[in-house]
Amino acid sequence: MSAVAKRLQSELMSLMMAGDDDASAFPSEDNLFEWSATIRGSKGTVYEDLCYELSMSFNDEYPYKAPKIMFRTPCFHPNVDEHGNICLDILKEKWSAAYSVLSILQSLRSLLSDPNPDSPLNQVAANLWQDQTQYKKELLTRNAAAVVSSR
């Protein structure tokens, strides 16, 4: 078994032991390098009660190279484009091998409630961010596919 596969198995065990109801990830079918993940919006934010599905692809250079992560559920957000691509520094130039699947998911949950509107992939969302009432209306209109989660 490769070192990457061992690391991914270890991270899967850590995720299962963490028991985080707001962030989860599991390998897709029998491929340890392709995962499906879910994150829920934090309480007290415009994303509260919304649940998003993501895909995570790991390569042979993980953990020294960041996984490719994309939203599968449409996500209206300043740092997510219409194709599900994410602008988050820890997935690019600030990547560190110290990050784990759990820490990535926690960072993505944090990004939902604390975007960087100065580096937008979605200019409309970035422009609306300051008016949270209007933003939430637009979010709920555009994110009808985001499953309302029960806590």
Protein backbone atom coordinates (compact mmCIF):
# COMPACT_ATOMS: atom_id res chain seq x y z
CA MET A 1 0.00 0.00 0.00
CA SER A 2 1.33 3.43 -0.92
CA ALA A 3 2.13 6.13 1.62
CA VAL A 4 -0.68 8.27 0.18
CA ALA A 5 -3.21 5.47 0.61
CA LYS A 6 -2.06 4.95 4.22
CA ARG A 7 -2.42 8.67 4.92
CA LEU A 8 -5.91 8.74 3.40
CA GLN A 9 -7.00 5.70 5.41
CA SER A 10 -5.66 7.34 8.56
CA GLU A 11 -7.55 10.54 7.77
CA LEU A 12 -10.74 8.59 7.13
CA MET A 13 -10.41 6.98 10.57
CA SER A 14 -9.80 10.41 12.15
CA LEU A 15 -12.92 11.78 10.45
CA MET A 16 -15.03 8.89 11.67
CA MET A 17 -13.69 9.29 15.22
CA ALA A 18 -14.28 13.07 15.18
CA GLY A 19 -18.02 12.54 14.75
CA ASP A 20 -18.52 16.01 13.27
CA ASP A 21 -22.15 16.26 12.12
CA ASP A 22 -21.40 19.45 10.17
CA ALA A 23 -18.56 18.09 8.02
CA SER A 24 -18.07 14.60 6.66
CA ALA A 25 -16.21 12.86 3.87
CA PHE A 26 -15.87 9.31 2.60
CA PRO A 27 -14.20 7.61 -0.35
CA SER A 28 -16.48 7.25 -3.36
CA GLU A 29 -17.18 3.59 -4.06
CA ASP A 30 -13.89 1.66 -4.08
CA ASN A 31 -11.55 4.54 -4.97
CA LEU A 32 -9.57 5.85 -2.00
CA PHE A 33 -8.40 8.83 -4.11
CA GLU A 34 -11.92 10.16 -4.92
CA TRP A 35 -14.08 11.29 -1.99
CA SER A 36 -17.53 12.76 -1.51
CA ALA A 37 -17.91 15.31 1.26
CA THR A 38 -20.65 17.37 2.86
CA ILE A 39 -20.50 20.57 4.86
CA ARG A 40 -23.26 22.44 6.63
CA GLY A 41 -23.47 26.16 7.11
CA SER A 42 -22.69 27.42 10.60
CA LYS A 43 -25.45 28.52 12.95
CA GLY A 44 -26.09 32.23 12.97
CA THR A 45 -24.96 32.72 9.35
CA VAL A 46 -26.85 33.11 6.08
CA TYR A 47 -25.78 29.52 5.30
CA GLU A 48 -27.38 28.06 8.46
CA ASP A 49 -29.43 24.94 7.67
CA LEU A 50 -27.93 24.58 4.19
CA CYS A 51 -25.93 21.49 3.29
CA TYR A 52 -23.50 21.29 0.39
CA GLU A 53 -21.95 18.31 -1.34
CA LEU A 54 -18.36 18.49 -2.54
CA SER A 55 -15.98 16.27 -4.46
CA MET A 56 -12.40 15.75 -3.32
CA SER A 57 -9.74 14.30 -5.62
CA PHE A 58 -6.37 13.31 -4.21
CA ASN A 59 -3.31 12.61 -6.32
CA ASP A 60 -0.09 10.68 -5.76
CA GLU A 61 1.58 13.79 -4.31
CA TYR A 62 -0.90 14.21 -1.43
CA PRO A 63 -0.32 15.51 1.26
CA TYR A 64 2.46 17.56 -0.35
CA LYS A 65 0.03 18.82 -2.99
CA ALA A 66 -3.50 20.00 -2.18
CA PRO A 67 -6.46 17.89 -3.27
CA LYS A 68 -8.80 19.26 -5.94
CA ILE A 69 -12.05 20.20 -4.24
CA MET A 70 -15.21 21.39 -5.93
CA PHE A 71 -18.78 22.11 -4.86
CA ARG A 72 -21.17 19.63 -6.49
CA THR A 73 -24.20 21.40 -5.03
CA PRO A 74 -24.52 24.88 -6.54
CA CYS A 75 -23.17 27.39 -4.03
CA PHE A 76 -23.86 31.12 -4.31
CA HIS A 77 -20.78 32.55 -2.61
CA PRO A 78 -18.18 35.27 -3.37
CA ASN A 79 -15.36 32.69 -3.52
CA VAL A 80 -17.15 29.94 -5.48
CA ASP A 81 -17.84 30.14 -9.21
CA GLU A 82 -20.79 28.71 -11.15
CA HIS A 83 -18.82 25.52 -11.87
CA GLY A 84 -18.08 24.81 -8.19
CA ASN A 85 -14.44 25.97 -8.24
CA ILE A 86 -13.24 27.43 -4.95
CA CYS A 87 -10.88 30.32 -4.31
CA LEU A 88 -9.26 29.52 -0.96
CA ASP A 89 -5.58 30.17 -0.28
CA ILE A 90 -4.99 26.94 1.65
CA LEU A 91 -6.01 24.99 -1.45
CA LYS A 92 -3.48 26.89 -3.54
CA GLU A 93 -0.34 28.83 -2.52
CA LYS A 94 -0.83 28.45 1.26
CA TRP A 95 -1.20 24.67 1.15
CA SER A 96 0.68 22.70 3.79
CA ALA A 97 1.11 18.95 4.25
CA ALA A 98 -0.06 19.54 7.82
CA TYR A 99 -3.62 20.06 6.57
CA SER A 100 -5.99 17.12 6.74
CA VAL A 101 -9.36 16.38 5.19
CA LEU A 102 -11.03 17.47 8.44
CA SER A 103 -9.12 20.76 8.61
CA ILE A 104 -9.95 21.45 4.95
CA LEU A 105 -13.65 20.87 5.57
CA GLN A 106 -13.54 23.11 8.64
CA SER A 107 -11.84 25.81 6.55
CA LEU A 108 -14.52 25.52 3.88
CA ARG A 109 -17.24 25.88 6.53
CA SER A 110 -15.46 28.96 7.82
CA LEU A 111 -15.19 30.35 4.29
CA LEU A 112 -18.98 30.11 3.91
CA SER A 113 -19.54 32.58 6.74
CA ASP A 114 -16.37 34.61 6.29
CA PRO A 115 -15.65 35.04 2.57
CA ASN A 116 -12.95 37.12 0.98
CA PRO A 117 -15.01 39.48 -1.22
CA ASP A 118 -11.77 41.20 -2.35
CA SER A 119 -10.80 38.05 -4.29
CA PRO A 120 -14.12 36.96 -5.76
CA LEU A 121 -14.90 34.22 -8.24
CA ASN A 122 -18.53 35.40 -8.13
CA GLN A 123 -18.71 39.18 -8.42
CA VAL A 124 -22.49 39.33 -7.91
CA ALA A 125 -22.20 37.51 -4.57
CA ALA A 126 -19.24 39.68 -3.55
CA ASN A 127 -21.19 42.87 -4.31
CA LEU A 128 -24.21 41.69 -2.28
CA TRP A 129 -22.24 40.39 0.71
CA GLN A 130 -22.43 43.65 2.71
CA ASP A 131 -26.26 43.55 2.70
CA GLN A 132 -26.88 40.23 4.48
CA THR A 133 -30.68 40.49 4.17
CA GLN A 134 -30.54 40.86 0.39
CA TYR A 135 -27.72 38.33 0.20
CA LYS A 136 -29.79 35.70 2.01
CA LYS A 137 -32.73 36.27 -0.34
CA GLU A 138 -30.46 35.79 -3.36
CA LEU A 139 -28.73 32.81 -1.71
CA LEU A 140 -32.01 30.99 -1.11
CA THR A 141 -33.20 31.76 -4.65
CA ARG A 142 -30.00 30.52 -6.28
CA ASN A 143 -29.28 27.64 -3.91
CA ALA A 144 -32.59 25.82 -4.08
CA ALA A 145 -30.55 22.64 -4.59
CA ALA A 146 -28.79 23.01 -1.23
CA VAL A 147 -30.52 20.50 0.98
CA VAL A 148 -32.05 22.03 4.07
CA SER A 149 -30.40 20.05 6.81
CA SER A 150 -31.91 19.02 10.08
CA ARG A 151 -29.77 19.48 13.15
